[in-house]
Amino acid sequence: MKALLEKKERLLQRITDRSEFLRGSITSVCSTCNRAGCICIGRSTGRARAYRLTYKDKQQKTRTVYIPRAQLAEARKMLDNYTKIKELMEKLFETNIAILKERSRS
């Protein structure tokens, strides 16, 4: 029982360590804006690359948020944290079931 409780505490700590997370996916979009003097006109391809986070809100409506290029690596790390948190939550669930079974035997 003590080992299960220690495992639970370790899992909770690992979840807390990943408190910055995002759910969704990042996409890149190439487009031109047709504004005079814009940077996308001066590019060799004539198109600017923009990054967007797409996610579902509480009402399951698709939302999109612009991600500046300078924050792209951070946003990707936050997406990875969400995946890891889901895995850790599953392990925590299994540990809680084991604790519940152990307590019912006592």
C-alpha atoms as a PDB file:
ATOM      1  CA  MET A   1       0.000   0.000   0.000  1.00  0.00           C
ATOM      2  CA  LYS A   2       2.826   2.386   0.889  1.00  0.00           C
ATOM      3  CA  ALA A   3       4.479   1.769  -2.485  1.00  0.00           C
ATOM      4  CA  LEU A   4       1.231   2.606  -4.290  1.00  0.00           C
ATOM      5  CA  LEU A   5       0.829   5.860  -2.367  1.00  0.00           C
ATOM      6  CA  GLU A   6       4.432   6.826  -3.157  1.00  0.00           C
ATOM      7  CA  LYS A   7       3.850   6.053  -6.828  1.00  0.00           C
ATOM      8  CA  LYS A   8       0.751   8.247  -6.751  1.00  0.00           C
ATOM      9  CA  GLU A   9       2.732  11.141  -5.252  1.00  0.00           C
ATOM     10  CA  ARG A  10       5.453  10.784  -7.895  1.00  0.00           C
ATOM     11  CA  LEU A  11       2.866  10.839 -10.676  1.00  0.00           C
ATOM     12  CA  LEU A  12       1.172  13.913  -9.213  1.00  0.00           C
ATOM     13  CA  GLN A  13       4.543  15.679  -9.026  1.00  0.00           C
ATOM     14  CA  ARG A  14       5.300  14.843 -12.661  1.00  0.00           C
ATOM     15  CA  ILE A  15       1.903  16.222 -13.695  1.00  0.00           C
ATOM     16  CA  THR A  16       2.525  19.414 -11.697  1.00  0.00           C
ATOM     17  CA  ASP A  17       5.923  19.835 -13.372  1.00  0.00           C
ATOM     18  CA  ARG A  18       4.125  20.041 -16.735  1.00  0.00           C
ATOM     19  CA  SER A  19       1.578  22.664 -15.736  1.00  0.00           C
ATOM     20  CA  GLU A  20       2.074  24.697 -18.925  1.00  0.00           C
ATOM     21  CA  PHE A  21       0.275  22.869 -21.708  1.00  0.00           C
ATOM     22  CA  LEU A  22      -1.895  23.398 -24.769  1.00  0.00           C
ATOM     23  CA  ARG A  23      -4.444  21.155 -26.440  1.00  0.00           C
ATOM     24  CA  GLY A  24      -4.862  21.187 -30.198  1.00  0.00           C
ATOM     25  CA  SER A  25      -2.580  21.215 -33.206  1.00  0.00           C
ATOM     26  CA  ILE A  26      -0.252  23.684 -34.873  1.00  0.00           C
ATOM     27  CA  THR A  27      -0.545  24.303 -38.587  1.00  0.00           C
ATOM     28  CA  SER A  28       1.457  26.508 -40.912  1.00  0.00           C
ATOM     29  CA  VAL A  29      -0.245  28.557 -43.561  1.00  0.00           C
ATOM     30  CA  CYS A  30       1.372  30.331 -46.520  1.00  0.00           C
ATOM     31  CA  SER A  31      -0.490  33.288 -47.893  1.00  0.00           C
ATOM     32  CA  THR A  32      -0.178  36.793 -49.240  1.00  0.00           C
ATOM     33  CA  CYS A  33      -2.089  39.671 -47.773  1.00  0.00           C
ATOM     34  CA  ASN A  34      -2.059  42.002 -50.835  1.00  0.00           C
ATOM     35  CA  ARG A  35      -1.228  45.031 -48.679  1.00  0.00           C
ATOM     36  CA  ALA A  36       1.173  47.480 -50.299  1.00  0.00           C
ATOM     37  CA  GLY A  37       4.626  47.318 -48.719  1.00  0.00           C
ATOM     38  CA  CYS A  38       3.954  44.173 -46.669  1.00  0.00           C
ATOM     39  CA  ILE A  39       6.850  41.784 -45.981  1.00  0.00           C
ATOM     40  CA  CYS A  40       5.114  38.898 -47.737  1.00  0.00           C
ATOM     41  CA  ILE A  41       5.511  40.672 -51.090  1.00  0.00           C
ATOM     42  CA  GLY A  42       9.294  40.923 -50.663  1.00  0.00           C
ATOM     43  CA  ARG A  43       9.795  37.214 -50.006  1.00  0.00           C
ATOM     44  CA  SER A  44      11.331  35.070 -52.730  1.00  0.00           C
ATOM     45  CA  THR A  45       8.209  32.928 -52.857  1.00  0.00           C
ATOM     46  CA  GLY A  46       5.909  35.894 -52.510  1.00  0.00           C
ATOM     47  CA  ARG A  47       4.221  34.224 -49.567  1.00  0.00           C
ATOM     48  CA  ALA A  48       4.538  34.607 -45.795  1.00  0.00           C
ATOM     49  CA  ARG A  49       4.359  31.637 -43.444  1.00  0.00           C
ATOM     50  CA  ALA A  50       2.084  31.996 -40.424  1.00  0.00           C
ATOM     51  CA  TYR A  51       1.528  29.491 -37.602  1.00  0.00           C
ATOM     52  CA  ARG A  52      -1.794  28.834 -35.930  1.00  0.00           C
ATOM     53  CA  LEU A  53      -3.018  26.760 -33.018  1.00  0.00           C
ATOM     54  CA  THR A  54      -6.352  25.108 -33.711  1.00  0.00           C
ATOM     55  CA  TYR A  55      -8.390  23.691 -30.812  1.00  0.00           C
ATOM     56  CA  LYS A  56     -11.952  22.967 -29.680  1.00  0.00           C
ATOM     57  CA  ASP A  57     -13.555  25.035 -26.918  1.00  0.00           C
ATOM     58  CA  LYS A  58     -16.111  23.828 -24.317  1.00  0.00           C
ATOM     59  CA  GLN A  59     -18.936  23.985 -26.866  1.00  0.00           C
ATOM     60  CA  GLN A  60     -16.818  21.945 -29.321  1.00  0.00           C
ATOM     61  CA  LYS A  61     -16.469  24.963 -31.580  1.00  0.00           C
ATOM     62  CA  THR A  62     -13.185  25.124 -33.487  1.00  0.00           C
ATOM     63  CA  ARG A  63     -11.014  28.068 -32.487  1.00  0.00           C
ATOM     64  CA  THR A  64      -7.790  29.354 -34.033  1.00  0.00           C
ATOM     65  CA  VAL A  65      -5.052  31.409 -32.382  1.00  0.00           C
ATOM     66  CA  TYR A  66      -2.100  33.005 -34.176  1.00  0.00           C
ATOM     67  CA  ILE A  67       1.311  31.891 -32.865  1.00  0.00           C
ATOM     68  CA  PRO A  68       4.226  34.270 -33.487  1.00  0.00           C
ATOM     69  CA  ARG A  69       7.306  32.573 -34.934  1.00  0.00           C
ATOM     70  CA  ALA A  70       9.275  33.527 -31.786  1.00  0.00           C
ATOM     71  CA  GLN A  71       6.851  31.482 -29.646  1.00  0.00           C
ATOM     72  CA  LEU A  72       6.580  28.474 -31.959  1.00  0.00           C
ATOM     73  CA  ALA A  73       9.081  26.275 -30.072  1.00  0.00           C
ATOM     74  CA  GLU A  74       7.392  27.083 -26.752  1.00  0.00           C
ATOM     75  CA  ALA A  75       3.954  26.254 -28.168  1.00  0.00           C
ATOM     76  CA  ARG A  76       5.210  22.923 -29.522  1.00  0.00           C
ATOM     77  CA  LYS A  77       6.685  22.071 -26.114  1.00  0.00           C
ATOM     78  CA  MET A  78       3.352  22.905 -24.485  1.00  0.00           C
ATOM     79  CA  LEU A  79       1.586  20.550 -26.917  1.00  0.00           C
ATOM     80  CA  ASP A  80       4.058  17.805 -25.975  1.00  0.00           C
ATOM     81  CA  ASN A  81       3.328  18.485 -22.305  1.00  0.00           C
ATOM     82  CA  TYR A  82      -0.379  17.889 -22.949  1.00  0.00           C
ATOM     83  CA  THR A  83       0.377  14.487 -24.499  1.00  0.00           C
ATOM     84  CA  LYS A  84       2.588  13.565 -21.541  1.00  0.00           C
ATOM     85  CA  ILE A  85      -0.059  14.726 -19.058  1.00  0.00           C
ATOM     86  CA  LYS A  86      -2.652  12.477 -20.717  1.00  0.00           C
ATOM     87  CA  GLU A  87      -0.273   9.507 -20.349  1.00  0.00           C
ATOM     88  CA  LEU A  88       0.468  10.379 -16.719  1.00  0.00           C
ATOM     89  CA  MET A  89      -3.248  10.744 -15.958  1.00  0.00           C
ATOM     90  CA  GLU A  90      -3.853   7.244 -17.294  1.00  0.00           C
ATOM     91  CA  LYS A  91      -1.100   5.874 -15.027  1.00  0.00           C
ATOM     92  CA  LEU A  92      -2.567   7.825 -12.095  1.00  0.00           C
ATOM     93  CA  PHE A  93      -5.986   6.340 -12.834  1.00  0.00           C
ATOM     94  CA  GLU A  94      -4.529   2.815 -12.781  1.00  0.00           C
ATOM     95  CA  THR A  95      -2.691   3.552  -9.531  1.00  0.00           C
ATOM     96  CA  ASN A  96      -5.858   4.905  -7.908  1.00  0.00           C
ATOM     97  CA  ILE A  97      -7.737   1.747  -8.925  1.00  0.00           C
ATOM     98  CA  ALA A  98      -4.982  -0.375  -7.359  1.00  0.00           C
ATOM     99  CA  ILE A  99      -5.162   1.709  -4.149  1.00  0.00           C
ATOM    100  CA  LEU A 100      -8.938   1.322  -4.058  1.00  0.00           C
ATOM    101  CA  LYS A 101      -8.660  -2.454  -4.455  1.00  0.00           C
ATOM    102  CA  GLU A 102      -5.987  -2.612  -1.754  1.00  0.00           C
ATOM    103  CA  ARG A 103      -8.144  -0.643   0.681  1.00  0.00           C
ATOM    104  CA  SER A 104     -11.156  -2.876   0.067  1.00  0.00           C
ATOM    105  CA  ARG A 105      -9.054  -5.946   0.991  1.00  0.00           C
ATOM    106  CA  SER A 106      -8.119  -4.437   4.360  1.00  0.00           C
END
